[in-house]
């Protein structure tokens, strides 16, 4: 039995030691994913540490058929979004409305684009204007290189819906980039 399957099955059974094994095997990957949302490594480490602390108190239960990568991506996404909401509330910043086309320029995010150019600004602005689900889809499939199956599991959608939504998200990103004065 491979290590990933064994780990997934022990998480499915709710075994407490599986959280420790999960941490040693996947914490660095999870921090990298969290960094895409919160912007810096130190904060991403805090988000993942908080998540593991919760899991040590209440071990997560992975569905028997669920892919471990998709489970981790979903968990980190939710933990990062919760952290962002708490931080915004602590700073007195109102919650971001998904339909709001104006980006929040008070915080800078690292979207994985090399620094030092107008392209980075246009891309970050375009991504900020996209819905959370479109951004998650693009980041997981392209930024984190999850397979279509893992993305489908993460988003809880069919493969056909995945391809349709991915196509539409790419089209929206292209339109936003063109409106900002450049394209990808």
N, C-alpha and C. Protein backbone atom coordinates (compact mmCIF):
# COMPACT_ATOMS: atom_id res chain seq x y z
N UNK A 1 0.86 -1.18 0.00
CA UNK A 1 0.00 0.00 0.00
C UNK A 1 0.90 1.24 0.00
N UNK A 2 0.59 2.22 -0.85
CA UNK A 2 1.42 3.41 -0.91
C UNK A 2 1.15 4.32 0.29
N UNK A 3 2.11 5.18 0.59
CA UNK A 3 2.03 6.03 1.78
C UNK A 3 0.85 6.99 1.75
N UNK A 4 0.54 7.54 0.57
CA UNK A 4 -0.58 8.48 0.46
C UNK A 4 -1.89 7.78 0.77
N UNK A 5 -2.07 6.60 0.23
CA UNK A 5 -3.31 5.85 0.47
C UNK A 5 -3.43 5.48 1.94
N UNK A 6 -2.33 5.02 2.53
CA UNK A 6 -2.33 4.65 3.94
C UNK A 6 -2.66 5.87 4.81
N UNK A 7 -2.08 7.00 4.50
CA UNK A 7 -2.35 8.22 5.25
C UNK A 7 -3.81 8.64 5.09
N UNK A 8 -4.32 8.60 3.88
CA UNK A 8 -5.73 8.95 3.64
C UNK A 8 -6.66 8.03 4.41
N UNK A 9 -6.36 6.74 4.43
CA UNK A 9 -7.21 5.79 5.15
C UNK A 9 -7.15 6.01 6.66
N UNK A 10 -5.98 6.34 7.19
CA UNK A 10 -5.89 6.61 8.63
C UNK A 10 -6.63 7.90 8.98
N UNK A 11 -6.61 8.88 8.08
CA UNK A 11 -7.40 10.09 8.30
C UNK A 11 -8.89 9.77 8.23
N UNK A 12 -9.28 8.90 7.32
CA UNK A 12 -10.67 8.49 7.18
C UNK A 12 -11.15 7.83 8.47
N UNK A 13 -10.27 7.04 9.10
CA UNK A 13 -10.63 6.38 10.35
C UNK A 13 -10.57 7.33 11.55
N UNK A 14 -10.00 8.53 11.35
CA UNK A 14 -9.93 9.51 12.43
C UNK A 14 -8.80 9.27 13.42
N UNK A 15 -7.75 8.60 12.99
CA UNK A 15 -6.62 8.31 13.87
C UNK A 15 -5.81 9.57 14.14
N UNK A 16 -5.56 9.86 15.42
CA UNK A 16 -4.88 11.09 15.82
C UNK A 16 -3.44 11.17 15.31
N UNK A 17 -2.71 10.06 15.28
CA UNK A 17 -1.31 10.10 14.83
C UNK A 17 -1.18 10.41 13.35
N UNK A 18 -2.28 10.27 12.61
CA UNK A 18 -2.24 10.58 11.18
C UNK A 18 -2.01 12.07 10.94
N UNK A 19 -2.42 12.92 11.87
CA UNK A 19 -2.22 14.36 11.74
C UNK A 19 -0.72 14.67 11.80
N UNK A 20 -0.01 14.02 12.70
CA UNK A 20 1.44 14.23 12.80
C UNK A 20 2.13 13.77 11.53
N UNK A 21 1.74 12.62 11.01
CA UNK A 21 2.34 12.13 9.76
C UNK A 21 2.01 13.06 8.59
N UNK A 22 0.78 13.55 8.58
CA UNK A 22 0.36 14.50 7.55
C UNK A 22 1.20 15.77 7.61
N UNK A 23 1.44 16.27 8.81
CA UNK A 23 2.26 17.48 8.98
C UNK A 23 3.67 17.26 8.42
N UNK A 24 4.30 16.18 8.81
CA UNK A 24 5.68 15.93 8.36
C UNK A 24 5.76 15.74 6.85
N UNK A 25 4.73 15.19 6.27
CA UNK A 25 4.77 14.90 4.84
C UNK A 25 4.33 16.07 3.96
N UNK A 26 3.37 16.91 4.43
CA UNK A 26 2.76 17.88 3.54
C UNK A 26 2.75 19.33 4.03
N UNK A 27 3.32 19.62 5.18
CA UNK A 27 3.24 20.99 5.72
C UNK A 27 3.86 22.02 4.77
N UNK A 28 5.00 21.72 4.19
CA UNK A 28 5.66 22.69 3.30
C UNK A 28 4.79 22.99 2.08
N UNK A 29 4.18 21.97 1.52
CA UNK A 29 3.29 22.15 0.36
C UNK A 29 2.08 23.01 0.76
N UNK A 30 1.55 22.75 1.94
CA UNK A 30 0.39 23.49 2.42
C UNK A 30 0.74 24.96 2.67
N UNK A 31 1.92 25.22 3.20
CA UNK A 31 2.36 26.60 3.42
C UNK A 31 2.49 27.32 2.08
N UNK A 32 3.03 26.64 1.09
CA UNK A 32 3.14 27.24 -0.24
C UNK A 32 1.79 27.60 -0.82
N UNK A 33 0.82 26.76 -0.60
CA UNK A 33 -0.53 27.03 -1.10
C UNK A 33 -1.16 28.19 -0.32
N UNK A 34 -1.00 28.19 1.00
CA UNK A 34 -1.56 29.28 1.83
C UNK A 34 -0.93 30.62 1.47
N UNK A 35 0.33 30.60 1.09
CA UNK A 35 1.02 31.85 0.75
C UNK A 35 0.36 32.55 -0.44
N UNK A 36 -0.20 31.79 -1.34
CA UNK A 36 -0.89 32.38 -2.49
C UNK A 36 -2.07 33.24 -2.05
N UNK A 37 -2.65 32.91 -0.91
CA UNK A 37 -3.81 33.66 -0.43
C UNK A 37 -3.43 34.80 0.51
N UNK A 38 -2.48 34.55 1.40
CA UNK A 38 -2.19 35.55 2.43
C UNK A 38 -1.00 36.42 2.10
N UNK A 39 -0.18 36.05 1.14
CA UNK A 39 0.84 36.94 0.63
C UNK A 39 2.25 36.78 1.16
N UNK A 40 2.44 36.26 2.36
CA UNK A 40 3.81 36.12 2.85
C UNK A 40 3.99 34.80 3.57
N UNK A 41 5.23 34.35 3.63
CA UNK A 41 5.53 33.02 4.17
C UNK A 41 5.23 32.91 5.66
N UNK A 42 5.55 33.93 6.43
CA UNK A 42 5.34 33.86 7.88
C UNK A 42 3.86 33.72 8.21
N UNK A 43 3.03 34.49 7.55
CA UNK A 43 1.59 34.40 7.78
C UNK A 43 1.05 33.06 7.30
N UNK A 44 1.55 32.59 6.16
CA UNK A 44 1.12 31.29 5.64
C UNK A 44 1.46 30.18 6.63
N UNK A 45 2.65 30.27 7.24
CA UNK A 45 3.03 29.28 8.25
C UNK A 45 2.08 29.33 9.44
N UNK A 46 1.67 30.53 9.84
CA UNK A 46 0.72 30.67 10.94
C UNK A 46 -0.63 30.05 10.59
N UNK A 47 -1.09 30.28 9.37
CA UNK A 47 -2.37 29.72 8.93
C UNK A 47 -2.32 28.20 8.99
N UNK A 48 -1.26 27.60 8.47
CA UNK A 48 -1.14 26.14 8.45
C UNK A 48 -0.95 25.61 9.87
N UNK A 49 -0.17 26.32 10.70
CA UNK A 49 0.01 25.88 12.10
C UNK A 49 -1.33 25.88 12.84
N UNK A 50 -2.13 26.92 12.64
CA UNK A 50 -3.46 26.98 13.27
C UNK A 50 -4.32 25.81 12.80
N UNK A 51 -4.25 25.51 11.52
CA UNK A 51 -5.03 24.41 10.97
C UNK A 51 -4.62 23.09 11.61
N UNK A 52 -3.31 22.86 11.73
CA UNK A 52 -2.85 21.61 12.35
C UNK A 52 -3.19 21.55 13.83
N UNK A 53 -3.17 22.69 14.52
CA UNK A 53 -3.58 22.71 15.93
C UNK A 53 -5.03 22.27 16.08
N UNK A 54 -5.89 22.78 15.18
CA UNK A 54 -7.30 22.36 15.21
C UNK A 54 -7.42 20.87 14.92
N UNK A 55 -6.64 20.39 13.96
CA UNK A 55 -6.70 18.98 13.61
C UNK A 55 -6.17 18.08 14.72
N UNK A 56 -5.21 18.57 15.51
CA UNK A 56 -4.73 17.77 16.64
C UNK A 56 -5.82 17.62 17.69
N UNK A 57 -6.64 18.65 17.88
CA UNK A 57 -7.75 18.58 18.84
C UNK A 57 -8.89 17.72 18.28
N UNK A 58 -9.17 17.89 16.99
CA UNK A 58 -10.25 17.17 16.31
C UNK A 58 -9.73 16.70 14.96
N UNK A 59 -9.21 15.47 14.90
CA UNK A 59 -8.64 14.99 13.62
C UNK A 59 -9.66 15.09 12.49
N UNK A 60 -9.17 15.51 11.32
CA UNK A 60 -10.08 15.63 10.17
C UNK A 60 -10.49 14.25 9.68
N UNK A 61 -11.62 14.22 9.04
CA UNK A 61 -12.08 12.96 8.45
C UNK A 61 -12.14 13.14 6.95
N UNK A 62 -11.22 12.53 6.29
CA UNK A 62 -11.17 12.55 4.82
C UNK A 62 -12.16 11.51 4.32
N UNK A 63 -12.92 11.87 3.30
CA UNK A 63 -13.81 10.88 2.70
C UNK A 63 -12.99 9.75 2.11
N UNK A 64 -13.54 8.58 2.15
CA UNK A 64 -12.81 7.38 1.72
C UNK A 64 -12.27 7.50 0.30
N UNK A 65 -13.05 8.10 -0.59
CA UNK A 65 -12.66 8.19 -2.00
C UNK A 65 -11.90 9.47 -2.33
N UNK A 66 -11.79 10.38 -1.39
CA UNK A 66 -11.23 11.70 -1.67
C UNK A 66 -9.72 11.64 -1.85
N UNK A 67 -9.23 12.40 -2.81
CA UNK A 67 -7.79 12.50 -3.03
C UNK A 67 -7.19 13.39 -1.95
N UNK A 68 -6.07 13.02 -1.42
CA UNK A 68 -5.45 13.75 -0.33
C UNK A 68 -5.06 15.16 -0.75
N UNK A 69 -4.53 15.32 -1.97
CA UNK A 69 -4.14 16.64 -2.45
C UNK A 69 -5.31 17.60 -2.50
N UNK A 70 -6.46 17.11 -2.97
CA UNK A 70 -7.65 17.95 -3.04
C UNK A 70 -8.14 18.30 -1.65
N UNK A 71 -8.10 17.34 -0.72
CA UNK A 71 -8.50 17.59 0.66
C UNK A 71 -7.63 18.67 1.29
N UNK A 72 -6.31 18.56 1.10
CA UNK A 72 -5.40 19.55 1.68
C UNK A 72 -5.60 20.92 1.06
N UNK A 73 -5.76 20.98 -0.26
CA UNK A 73 -5.98 22.26 -0.93
C UNK A 73 -7.26 22.92 -0.43
N UNK A 74 -8.32 22.16 -0.29
CA UNK A 74 -9.58 22.70 0.21
C UNK A 74 -9.43 23.20 1.63
N UNK A 75 -8.79 22.40 2.48
CA UNK A 75 -8.62 22.78 3.88
C UNK A 75 -7.80 24.05 4.02
N UNK A 76 -6.70 24.15 3.28
CA UNK A 76 -5.86 25.34 3.35
C UNK A 76 -6.60 26.55 2.80
N UNK A 77 -7.33 26.36 1.72
CA UNK A 77 -8.11 27.46 1.15
C UNK A 77 -9.07 28.02 2.19
N UNK A 78 -9.83 27.15 2.84
CA UNK A 78 -10.79 27.61 3.84
C UNK A 78 -10.10 28.26 5.04
N UNK A 79 -8.99 27.68 5.48
CA UNK A 79 -8.26 28.26 6.61
C UNK A 79 -7.71 29.65 6.25
N UNK A 80 -7.20 29.80 5.03
CA UNK A 80 -6.66 31.10 4.60
C UNK A 80 -7.77 32.13 4.47
N UNK A 81 -8.90 31.73 3.91
CA UNK A 81 -10.03 32.67 3.77
C UNK A 81 -10.51 33.10 5.15
N UNK A 82 -10.61 32.15 6.09
CA UNK A 82 -11.00 32.50 7.45
C UNK A 82 -10.01 33.48 8.07
N UNK A 83 -8.72 33.23 7.86
CA UNK A 83 -7.70 34.12 8.41
C UNK A 83 -7.84 35.52 7.81
N UNK A 84 -8.03 35.60 6.50
CA UNK A 84 -8.17 36.90 5.82
C UNK A 84 -9.38 37.64 6.38
N UNK A 85 -10.49 36.93 6.55
CA UNK A 85 -11.69 37.58 7.10
C UNK A 85 -11.46 38.09 8.51
N UNK A 86 -10.79 37.29 9.34
CA UNK A 86 -10.49 37.74 10.71
C UNK A 86 -9.59 38.97 10.70
N UNK A 87 -8.57 38.96 9.84
CA UNK A 87 -7.66 40.10 9.75
C UNK A 87 -8.37 41.36 9.27
N UNK A 88 -9.22 41.20 8.28
CA UNK A 88 -9.98 42.35 7.76
C UNK A 88 -10.88 42.92 8.84
N UNK A 89 -11.54 42.02 9.59
CA UNK A 89 -12.42 42.47 10.67
C UNK A 89 -11.61 43.18 11.76
N UNK A 90 -10.44 42.65 12.09
CA UNK A 90 -9.60 43.26 13.13
C UNK A 90 -9.11 44.64 12.71
N UNK A 91 -8.93 44.84 11.41
CA UNK A 91 -8.46 46.14 10.90
C UNK A 91 -9.61 47.08 10.58
N UNK A 92 -10.84 46.60 10.78
CA UNK A 92 -12.00 47.44 10.51
C UNK A 92 -12.32 47.58 9.03
N UNK A 93 -11.80 46.68 8.23
CA UNK A 93 -12.07 46.70 6.78
C UNK A 93 -13.31 45.86 6.53
N UNK A 94 -14.29 46.40 5.81
CA UNK A 94 -15.50 45.60 5.57
C UNK A 94 -15.19 44.37 4.74
N UNK A 95 -16.01 43.32 4.88
CA UNK A 95 -15.79 42.12 4.07
C UNK A 95 -15.87 42.43 2.59
N UNK A 96 -15.09 41.70 1.83
CA UNK A 96 -15.08 41.88 0.38
C UNK A 96 -16.32 41.26 -0.21
N UNK A 97 -17.01 42.01 -1.03
CA UNK A 97 -18.19 41.51 -1.71
C UNK A 97 -17.74 40.93 -3.04
N UNK A 98 -18.19 39.72 -3.34
CA UNK A 98 -17.72 39.04 -4.56
C UNK A 98 -18.02 39.84 -5.82
N UNK A 99 -19.12 40.61 -5.84
CA UNK A 99 -19.49 41.35 -7.04
C UNK A 99 -18.76 42.68 -7.15
N UNK A 100 -18.00 43.05 -6.12
CA UNK A 100 -17.29 44.32 -6.12
C UNK A 100 -16.12 44.26 -7.10
N UNK A 101 -16.14 45.05 -8.18
CA UNK A 101 -15.07 44.96 -9.17
C UNK A 101 -13.79 45.69 -8.78
N UNK A 102 -13.81 46.44 -7.69
CA UNK A 102 -12.63 47.20 -7.31
C UNK A 102 -11.74 46.38 -6.39
N UNK A 103 -10.47 46.26 -6.72
CA UNK A 103 -9.57 45.48 -5.87
C UNK A 103 -9.22 46.24 -4.60
N UNK A 104 -8.87 45.49 -3.58
CA UNK A 104 -8.41 46.08 -2.33
C UNK A 104 -6.91 46.30 -2.47
N UNK A 105 -6.49 47.53 -2.68
CA UNK A 105 -5.08 47.82 -2.94
C UNK A 105 -4.28 48.02 -1.65
N UNK A 106 -4.93 47.91 -0.51
CA UNK A 106 -4.21 48.11 0.74
C UNK A 106 -3.29 46.94 1.05
N UNK A 107 -3.59 45.76 0.55
CA UNK A 107 -2.70 44.63 0.78
C UNK A 107 -2.26 44.09 -0.57
N UNK A 108 -1.01 43.72 -0.61
CA UNK A 108 -0.47 43.19 -1.86
C UNK A 108 -0.39 41.69 -1.73
N UNK A 109 -0.75 41.02 -2.79
CA UNK A 109 -0.66 39.57 -2.82
C UNK A 109 0.43 39.16 -3.79
N UNK A 110 1.01 38.02 -3.51
CA UNK A 110 1.97 37.44 -4.43
C UNK A 110 1.24 36.37 -5.23
N UNK A 111 0.99 36.65 -6.49
CA UNK A 111 0.24 35.71 -7.32
C UNK A 111 1.17 34.80 -8.10
N UNK A 112 2.43 34.71 -7.73
CA UNK A 112 3.34 33.82 -8.42
C UNK A 112 3.92 34.41 -9.69
N UNK A 113 3.78 35.71 -9.91
CA UNK A 113 4.33 36.37 -11.08
C UNK A 113 5.64 37.02 -10.66
N UNK A 114 6.65 36.92 -11.50
CA UNK A 114 7.94 37.50 -11.17
C UNK A 114 7.80 39.00 -10.94
N UNK A 115 8.42 39.51 -9.86
CA UNK A 115 8.28 40.93 -9.54
C UNK A 115 8.97 41.81 -10.57
N UNK A 116 8.54 43.07 -10.56
CA UNK A 116 9.26 44.06 -11.35
C UNK A 116 8.61 44.41 -12.66
N UNK A 117 7.32 44.43 -12.74
CA UNK A 117 6.78 44.81 -14.02
C UNK A 117 5.32 45.19 -13.98
N UNK A 118 4.95 45.84 -15.06
CA UNK A 118 3.57 46.25 -15.24
C UNK A 118 2.66 45.03 -15.36
N UNK A 119 3.16 43.95 -15.93
CA UNK A 119 2.38 42.72 -16.07
C UNK A 119 1.94 42.21 -14.70
N UNK A 120 2.84 42.26 -13.73
CA UNK A 120 2.50 41.79 -12.38
C UNK A 120 1.34 42.61 -11.81
N UNK A 121 1.38 43.91 -11.98
CA UNK A 121 0.32 44.78 -11.47
C UNK A 121 -1.00 44.48 -12.17
N UNK A 122 -0.96 44.37 -13.49
CA UNK A 122 -2.18 44.09 -14.25
C UNK A 122 -2.76 42.72 -13.90
N UNK A 123 -1.90 41.73 -13.76
CA UNK A 123 -2.37 40.40 -13.42
C UNK A 123 -2.96 40.38 -12.01
N UNK A 124 -2.27 40.96 -11.05
CA UNK A 124 -2.79 41.00 -9.68
C UNK A 124 -4.12 41.74 -9.62
N UNK A 125 -4.24 42.84 -10.35
CA UNK A 125 -5.49 43.60 -10.39
C UNK A 125 -6.60 42.77 -11.02
N UNK A 126 -6.29 42.09 -12.11
CA UNK A 126 -7.29 41.26 -12.78
C UNK A 126 -7.74 40.11 -11.88
N UNK A 127 -6.80 39.46 -11.21
CA UNK A 127 -7.16 38.36 -10.33
C UNK A 127 -7.99 38.83 -9.14
N UNK A 128 -7.69 40.02 -8.63
CA UNK A 128 -8.47 40.58 -7.52
C UNK A 128 -9.91 40.83 -7.93
N UNK A 129 -10.13 41.15 -9.19
CA UNK A 129 -11.47 41.47 -9.67
C UNK A 129 -12.30 40.21 -9.95
N UNK A 130 -11.65 39.07 -9.99
CA UNK A 130 -12.35 37.82 -10.29
C UNK A 130 -13.04 37.30 -9.04
N UNK A 131 -14.04 36.46 -9.25
CA UNK A 131 -14.73 35.84 -8.12
C UNK A 131 -13.77 34.88 -7.41
N UNK A 132 -14.07 34.60 -6.15
CA UNK A 132 -13.24 33.67 -5.39
C UNK A 132 -13.18 32.30 -6.04
N UNK A 133 -14.31 31.83 -6.58
CA UNK A 133 -14.32 30.49 -7.18
C UNK A 133 -13.48 30.45 -8.46
N UNK A 134 -13.54 31.51 -9.28
CA UNK A 134 -12.70 31.55 -10.49
C UNK A 134 -11.23 31.61 -10.12
N UNK A 135 -10.90 32.42 -9.13
CA UNK A 135 -9.51 32.55 -8.70
C UNK A 135 -9.01 31.22 -8.14
N UNK A 136 -9.83 30.56 -7.33
CA UNK A 136 -9.45 29.26 -6.76
C UNK A 136 -9.21 28.24 -7.87
N UNK A 137 -10.09 28.23 -8.85
CA UNK A 137 -9.96 27.29 -9.96
C UNK A 137 -8.65 27.52 -10.72
N UNK A 138 -8.36 28.78 -11.06
CA UNK A 138 -7.12 29.09 -11.79
C UNK A 138 -5.88 28.79 -10.95
N UNK A 139 -5.92 29.16 -9.67
CA UNK A 139 -4.75 28.95 -8.82
C UNK A 139 -4.47 27.48 -8.56
N UNK A 140 -5.52 26.70 -8.35
CA UNK A 140 -5.28 25.29 -8.07
C UNK A 140 -4.83 24.54 -9.32
N UNK A 141 -5.47 24.83 -10.44
CA UNK A 141 -5.12 24.09 -11.65
C UNK A 141 -3.78 24.54 -12.23
N UNK A 142 -3.56 25.83 -12.33
CA UNK A 142 -2.32 26.32 -12.93
C UNK A 142 -1.24 26.61 -11.90
N UNK A 143 -1.60 27.28 -10.82
CA UNK A 143 -0.60 27.67 -9.82
C UNK A 143 -0.09 26.50 -9.00
N UNK A 144 -0.98 25.59 -8.62
CA UNK A 144 -0.59 24.45 -7.79
C UNK A 144 -0.51 23.16 -8.58
N UNK A 145 -0.84 23.23 -9.86
CA UNK A 145 -0.74 22.08 -10.77
C UNK A 145 -1.52 20.87 -10.28
N UNK A 146 -2.72 21.12 -9.74
CA UNK A 146 -3.58 20.00 -9.39
C UNK A 146 -4.19 19.45 -10.68
N UNK A 147 -4.43 18.18 -10.69
CA UNK A 147 -5.04 17.54 -11.85
C UNK A 147 -6.50 17.98 -11.97
N UNK A 148 -7.09 17.82 -13.14
CA UNK A 148 -8.52 18.13 -13.26
C UNK A 148 -9.37 17.35 -12.26
N UNK A 149 -9.02 16.09 -11.99
CA UNK A 149 -9.77 15.29 -11.02
C UNK A 149 -9.68 15.90 -9.63
N UNK A 150 -8.48 16.33 -9.24
CA UNK A 150 -8.32 16.95 -7.92
C UNK A 150 -9.09 18.26 -7.85
N UNK A 151 -9.07 19.04 -8.91
CA UNK A 151 -9.82 20.29 -8.94
C UNK A 151 -11.33 20.01 -8.85
N UNK A 152 -11.79 18.98 -9.55
CA UNK A 152 -13.21 18.62 -9.49
C UNK A 152 -13.61 18.24 -8.07
N UNK A 153 -12.76 17.49 -7.41
CA UNK A 153 -13.04 17.10 -6.03
C UNK A 153 -13.02 18.31 -5.11
N UNK A 154 -12.05 19.17 -5.30
CA UNK A 154 -11.93 20.38 -4.50
C UNK A 154 -13.15 21.28 -4.66
N UNK A 155 -13.57 21.48 -5.89
CA UNK A 155 -14.68 22.39 -6.18
C UNK A 155 -16.04 21.69 -6.10
N UNK A 156 -16.01 20.36 -5.97
CA UNK A 156 -17.24 19.55 -5.94
C UNK A 156 -18.09 19.78 -7.20
N UNK A 157 -17.43 19.62 -8.34
CA UNK A 157 -18.10 19.78 -9.63
C UNK A 157 -17.72 18.61 -10.53
N UNK A 158 -18.50 18.42 -11.59
CA UNK A 158 -18.20 17.35 -12.55
C UNK A 158 -17.04 17.77 -13.45
N UNK A 159 -16.51 16.81 -14.16
CA UNK A 159 -15.39 17.10 -15.08
C UNK A 159 -15.83 18.05 -16.19
N UNK A 160 -17.04 17.86 -16.73
CA UNK A 160 -17.54 18.77 -17.76
C UNK A 160 -17.68 20.19 -17.21
N UNK A 161 -18.21 20.30 -16.00
CA UNK A 161 -18.36 21.62 -15.38
C UNK A 161 -16.99 22.25 -15.13
N UNK A 162 -16.01 21.42 -14.75
CA UNK A 162 -14.65 21.92 -14.55
C UNK A 162 -14.12 22.57 -15.82
N UNK A 163 -14.24 21.86 -16.94
CA UNK A 163 -13.71 22.39 -18.20
C UNK A 163 -14.46 23.65 -18.64
N UNK A 164 -15.76 23.68 -18.45
CA UNK A 164 -16.53 24.88 -18.79
C UNK A 164 -16.14 26.06 -17.92
N UNK A 165 -16.04 25.82 -16.60
CA UNK A 165 -15.70 26.90 -15.69
C UNK A 165 -14.26 27.39 -15.89
N UNK A 166 -13.36 26.45 -16.17
CA UNK A 166 -11.97 26.84 -16.42
C UNK A 166 -11.88 27.70 -17.68
N UNK A 167 -12.59 27.30 -18.73
CA UNK A 167 -12.60 28.09 -19.97
C UNK A 167 -13.16 29.49 -19.70
N UNK A 168 -14.26 29.56 -18.98
CA UNK A 168 -14.86 30.87 -18.68
C UNK A 168 -13.96 31.72 -17.80
N UNK A 169 -13.29 31.10 -16.83
CA UNK A 169 -12.38 31.84 -15.96
C UNK A 169 -11.20 32.39 -16.76
N UNK A 170 -10.67 31.59 -17.68
CA UNK A 170 -9.57 32.08 -18.53
C UNK A 170 -10.04 33.22 -19.42
N UNK A 171 -11.25 33.13 -19.94
CA UNK A 171 -11.79 34.20 -20.79
C UNK A 171 -11.98 35.49 -19.97
N UNK A 172 -12.50 35.36 -18.74
CA UNK A 172 -12.68 36.54 -17.88
C UNK A 172 -11.33 37.16 -17.54
N UNK A 173 -10.34 36.32 -17.24
CA UNK A 173 -9.01 36.84 -16.93
C UNK A 173 -8.44 37.57 -18.13
N UNK A 174 -8.60 37.00 -19.31
CA UNK A 174 -8.11 37.64 -20.53
C UNK A 174 -8.81 38.99 -20.76
N UNK A 175 -10.13 39.03 -20.56
CA UNK A 175 -10.86 40.29 -20.72
C UNK A 175 -10.39 41.33 -19.72
N UNK A 176 -10.19 40.93 -18.49
CA UNK A 176 -9.72 41.87 -17.46
C UNK A 176 -8.32 42.36 -17.77
N UNK A 177 -7.47 41.46 -18.26
CA UNK A 177 -6.10 41.85 -18.62
C UNK A 177 -6.12 42.82 -19.79
N UNK A 178 -6.96 42.55 -20.78
CA UNK A 178 -7.08 43.47 -21.93
C UNK A 178 -7.60 44.81 -21.50
N UNK A 179 -8.55 44.83 -20.61
CA UNK A 179 -9.10 46.10 -20.11
C UNK A 179 -8.06 46.89 -19.33
N UNK A 180 -7.11 46.19 -18.73
CA UNK A 180 -6.06 46.85 -17.95
C UNK A 180 -4.88 47.28 -18.83
N UNK A 181 -4.98 47.02 -20.13
CA UNK A 181 -3.93 47.50 -21.04
C UNK A 181 -2.92 46.47 -21.44
N UNK A 182 -3.22 45.22 -21.30
CA UNK A 182 -2.26 44.20 -21.73
C UNK A 182 -2.92 42.84 -21.68
N UNK A 183 -2.27 41.85 -22.20
CA UNK A 183 -2.82 40.50 -22.16
C UNK A 183 -1.74 39.53 -21.72
N UNK A 184 -2.17 38.33 -21.45
CA UNK A 184 -1.22 37.30 -21.01
C UNK A 184 -0.55 36.65 -22.18
